[in-house]
Amino acid sequence: MSANRIRLSAGALVISGILFVTYPALRPFSDERSLLGAAAFGSGAWLVSHMLAMVAFTLLPVSLLGLQRSLLGTSAERLLFVALVLSMIGTGFTLPFYGGEAYGLHALGQEAMRQHSDSPLGLVEIIRSGPGLVMFLAGLLLLAAAAIATATALWRSGRYPKASGVPFAVGMSLYIPQFLGAQPLRIAHGLLVAVGCVWIAACLWRQEKFDRN
């Protein structure tokens, strides 16, 4: 087992967890039907926060790759491989929507501010609906399934604390409902996901040191 690969995966999990909190904390929240919404969309904070969210999702399959490698030869190896595949597909389905949010709405907000009119904001729901939304929701469901499979694999592995994957699984499973909440709830959800990521990373790091000794 490559120690560097394990450490890379643990580091990716920690960074991903931090970014899952940073995204809702940095993202501007306002009345999106007014010029306040246009200012939020057109701000640098809107662009940066969504870009950080995309990095957070992208790092998840990287982290699961090392975790799956650490379970080679155990009864949980196959289940973690399934989680890895689901996370790759789920991330691929999720990122285009975030791209539309980040770049499409950012350009829309800047145009509304340039015109000093909320008329361009009528396109917001068009950008957020249709096949892109369906693909986004499917991606988040696949990521939730990947997190549940990860938690189940850790529970069965015999190498990690049984509950070490539970916060991560709960957090990813609540990703769709948390969109209905206000900023404090969404930050709290980000913290839950971060705790889950960091806990798994700590267990992965500890197990790597144990195997090395």
Protein backbone atom coordinates (compact mmCIF):
# COMPACT_ATOMS: atom_id res chain seq x y z
CA MET A 1 0.00 0.00 0.00
CA SER A 2 1.40 3.40 -0.94
CA ALA A 3 1.70 5.63 2.12
CA ASN A 4 1.79 8.72 -0.08
CA ARG A 5 -1.49 7.73 -1.74
CA ILE A 6 -3.14 7.23 1.63
CA ARG A 7 -1.91 10.59 2.88
CA LEU A 8 -3.07 12.27 -0.32
CA SER A 9 -6.53 10.81 0.14
CA ALA A 10 -6.68 11.87 3.79
CA GLY A 11 -5.57 15.38 2.86
CA ALA A 12 -8.14 15.53 0.06
CA LEU A 13 -10.87 14.59 2.55
CA VAL A 14 -9.84 17.31 4.99
CA ILE A 15 -9.68 19.98 2.27
CA SER A 16 -13.01 18.85 0.84
CA GLY A 17 -14.62 19.06 4.28
CA ILE A 18 -13.29 22.57 4.88
CA LEU A 19 -14.58 23.72 1.50
CA PHE A 20 -18.04 22.26 2.15
CA VAL A 21 -18.26 24.70 5.09
CA THR A 22 -16.59 27.61 3.30
CA TYR A 23 -19.05 27.48 0.40
CA PRO A 24 -22.26 28.35 2.31
CA ALA A 25 -20.39 30.67 4.67
CA LEU A 26 -18.95 32.74 1.80
CA ARG A 27 -21.93 32.52 -0.60
CA PRO A 28 -24.06 35.71 -0.57
CA PHE A 29 -27.73 35.17 0.36
CA SER A 30 -30.34 37.77 -0.60
CA ASP A 31 -33.67 38.37 -2.35
CA GLU A 32 -32.78 36.91 -5.74
CA ARG A 33 -35.68 38.64 -7.52
CA SER A 34 -34.33 42.16 -6.88
CA LEU A 35 -31.20 44.13 -7.59
CA LEU A 36 -29.90 42.85 -4.26
CA GLY A 37 -29.94 39.42 -5.84
CA ALA A 38 -28.23 40.77 -8.92
CA ALA A 39 -25.50 42.25 -6.74
CA ALA A 40 -25.08 38.90 -5.00
CA PHE A 41 -24.88 36.98 -8.28
CA GLY A 42 -22.41 39.47 -9.75
CA SER A 43 -20.13 39.54 -6.74
CA GLY A 44 -16.74 37.92 -6.47
CA ALA A 45 -17.92 36.05 -3.37
CA TRP A 46 -20.62 34.32 -5.43
CA LEU A 47 -18.13 33.18 -8.03
CA VAL A 48 -15.44 32.08 -5.57
CA SER A 49 -17.83 30.25 -3.23
CA HIS A 50 -19.29 28.16 -6.04
CA MET A 51 -15.85 27.40 -7.43
CA LEU A 52 -14.82 26.16 -3.97
CA ALA A 53 -17.92 23.94 -3.87
CA MET A 54 -16.89 22.42 -7.20
CA VAL A 55 -13.42 21.68 -5.83
CA ALA A 56 -14.99 20.09 -2.73
CA PHE A 57 -17.05 17.70 -4.83
CA THR A 58 -14.13 16.94 -7.15
CA LEU A 59 -11.91 15.88 -4.24
CA LEU A 60 -14.38 13.28 -2.94
CA PRO A 61 -13.54 10.54 -5.48
CA VAL A 62 -9.83 11.23 -4.93
CA SER A 63 -10.25 10.61 -1.21
CA LEU A 64 -12.28 7.44 -1.71
CA LEU A 65 -9.59 6.06 -4.02
CA GLY A 66 -7.10 5.88 -1.14
CA LEU A 67 -9.73 4.59 1.25
CA GLN A 68 -10.63 1.81 -1.16
CA ARG A 69 -6.97 0.89 -1.46
CA SER A 70 -6.66 0.66 2.32
CA LEU A 71 -9.41 -1.96 2.34
CA LEU A 72 -7.80 -4.28 -0.22
CA GLY A 73 -8.14 -7.87 0.88
CA THR A 74 -11.04 -7.18 3.26
CA SER A 75 -14.70 -8.07 2.88
CA ALA A 76 -15.48 -4.35 2.42
CA GLU A 77 -13.18 -3.85 -0.58
CA ARG A 78 -15.85 -4.46 -3.22
CA LEU A 79 -18.40 -2.22 -1.51
CA LEU A 80 -15.90 0.63 -1.30
CA PHE A 81 -15.15 0.17 -5.00
CA VAL A 82 -18.88 0.58 -5.70
CA ALA A 83 -18.84 3.76 -3.58
CA LEU A 84 -15.87 5.06 -5.57
CA VAL A 85 -17.62 4.49 -8.91
CA LEU A 86 -20.86 6.07 -7.66
CA SER A 87 -18.95 9.10 -6.37
CA MET A 88 -17.23 9.60 -9.73
CA ILE A 89 -20.50 9.47 -11.65
CA GLY A 90 -22.32 11.57 -9.06
CA THR A 91 -19.64 14.25 -9.13
CA GLY A 92 -19.75 14.32 -12.93
CA PHE A 93 -23.52 14.83 -12.82
CA THR A 94 -23.32 17.52 -10.13
CA LEU A 95 -20.61 19.82 -11.44
CA PRO A 96 -22.38 21.19 -14.57
CA PHE A 97 -25.17 22.68 -12.44
CA TYR A 98 -22.64 24.36 -10.17
CA GLY A 99 -20.94 25.69 -13.28
CA GLY A 100 -24.23 27.28 -14.36
CA GLU A 101 -24.69 28.73 -10.89
CA ALA A 102 -21.15 30.04 -10.73
CA TYR A 103 -20.61 31.46 -14.21
CA GLY A 104 -24.10 31.79 -15.69
CA LEU A 105 -25.70 33.57 -12.75
CA HIS A 106 -22.57 35.62 -12.16
CA ALA A 107 -22.74 37.00 -15.72
CA LEU A 108 -26.50 37.51 -15.37
CA GLY A 109 -26.06 39.47 -12.16
CA GLN A 110 -23.41 41.68 -13.64
CA GLU A 111 -25.62 42.41 -16.66
CA ALA A 112 -28.58 43.30 -14.40
CA MET A 113 -26.39 45.67 -12.42
CA ARG A 114 -25.08 47.22 -15.64
CA GLN A 115 -28.66 47.83 -16.80
CA HIS A 116 -29.72 48.76 -13.27
CA SER A 117 -32.77 46.59 -13.90
CA ASP A 118 -34.02 43.31 -12.46
CA SER A 119 -35.38 42.23 -15.87
CA PRO A 120 -32.46 39.86 -16.63
CA LEU A 121 -33.20 38.01 -13.38
CA GLY A 122 -36.20 36.44 -15.08
CA LEU A 123 -33.69 34.03 -16.63
CA VAL A 124 -32.56 32.70 -13.23
CA GLU A 125 -35.20 29.99 -13.02
CA ILE A 126 -34.55 28.99 -16.63
CA ILE A 127 -30.87 28.44 -15.82
CA ARG A 128 -31.77 26.46 -12.71
CA SER A 129 -34.49 24.27 -14.23
CA GLY A 130 -34.85 21.70 -16.99
CA PRO A 131 -32.54 18.75 -17.72
CA GLY A 132 -29.66 20.40 -15.85
CA LEU A 133 -31.63 20.34 -12.60
CA VAL A 134 -32.64 16.70 -13.12
CA MET A 135 -29.00 15.75 -13.72
CA PHE A 136 -27.93 17.73 -10.64
CA LEU A 137 -30.43 16.01 -8.37
CA ALA A 138 -29.46 12.61 -9.79
CA GLY A 139 -25.82 13.42 -9.08
CA LEU A 140 -26.53 14.34 -5.46
CA LEU A 141 -28.53 11.13 -5.00
CA LEU A 142 -25.62 9.12 -6.39
CA LEU A 143 -23.24 10.91 -4.04
CA ALA A 144 -25.56 10.11 -1.14
CA ALA A 145 -25.56 6.45 -2.20
CA ALA A 146 -21.76 6.54 -2.42
CA ALA A 147 -21.52 8.00 1.10
CA ILE A 148 -23.90 5.36 2.50
CA ALA A 149 -21.89 2.62 0.77
CA THR A 150 -18.70 4.11 2.24
CA ALA A 151 -20.15 4.17 5.75
CA THR A 152 -21.35 0.57 5.37
CA ALA A 153 -17.93 -0.54 4.12
CA LEU A 154 -16.18 1.12 7.06
CA TRP A 155 -18.66 -0.50 9.45
CA ARG A 156 -17.94 -3.95 8.02
CA SER A 157 -14.22 -3.57 7.44
CA GLY A 158 -12.88 -4.42 10.88
CA ARG A 159 -10.09 -1.89 10.24
CA TYR A 160 -11.93 1.29 11.14
CA PRO A 161 -14.31 2.38 13.93
CA LYS A 162 -17.78 1.18 12.98
CA ALA A 163 -19.43 4.60 13.12
CA SER A 164 -16.59 6.50 11.43
CA GLY A 165 -18.51 6.91 8.17
CA VAL A 166 -21.92 7.72 9.64
CA PRO A 167 -21.66 11.56 9.85
CA PHE A 168 -20.39 11.68 6.28
CA ALA A 169 -23.26 9.49 5.06
CA VAL A 170 -25.86 11.54 6.95
CA GLY A 171 -24.42 14.83 5.69
CA MET A 172 -24.33 13.78 2.04
CA SER A 173 -27.82 12.26 2.30
CA LEU A 174 -29.16 15.62 3.51
CA TYR A 175 -27.58 17.61 0.70
CA ILE A 176 -30.83 18.07 -1.25
CA PRO A 177 -33.05 19.00 1.75
CA GLN A 178 -30.53 21.54 3.05
CA PHE A 179 -31.06 23.69 -0.04
CA LEU A 180 -34.47 24.59 1.41
CA GLY A 181 -32.90 26.14 4.51
CA ALA A 182 -31.49 29.58 5.26
CA GLN A 183 -27.77 30.32 5.48
CA PRO A 184 -27.28 29.26 9.15
CA LEU A 185 -28.83 25.85 8.47
CA ARG A 186 -26.74 25.42 5.35
CA ILE A 187 -23.55 26.30 7.24
CA ALA A 188 -24.51 23.80 9.96
CA HIS A 189 -24.99 21.18 7.26
CA GLY A 190 -21.57 22.03 5.84
CA LEU A 191 -20.08 21.54 9.29
CA LEU A 192 -21.70 18.10 9.51
CA VAL A 193 -20.19 17.09 6.17
CA ALA A 194 -16.83 18.51 7.29
CA VAL A 195 -16.90 16.51 10.53
CA GLY A 196 -17.64 13.39 8.52
CA CYS A 197 -14.78 14.04 6.11
CA VAL A 198 -12.26 14.86 8.84
CA TRP A 199 -13.23 11.83 10.95
CA ILE A 200 -12.68 9.46 8.03
CA ALA A 201 -9.42 11.23 7.16
CA ALA A 202 -8.15 10.88 10.75
CA CYS A 203 -9.03 7.18 10.78
CA LEU A 204 -7.34 6.68 7.41
CA TRP A 205 -4.19 8.47 8.58
CA ARG A 206 -4.11 6.52 11.86
CA GLN A 207 -4.57 3.20 10.07
CA GLU A 208 -1.77 4.02 7.62
CA LYS A 209 0.61 4.75 10.50
CA PHE A 210 -0.43 1.52 12.23
CA ASP A 211 0.15 -0.53 9.06
CA ARG A 212 3.54 1.13 8.54
CA ASN A 213 4.67 0.27 12.05
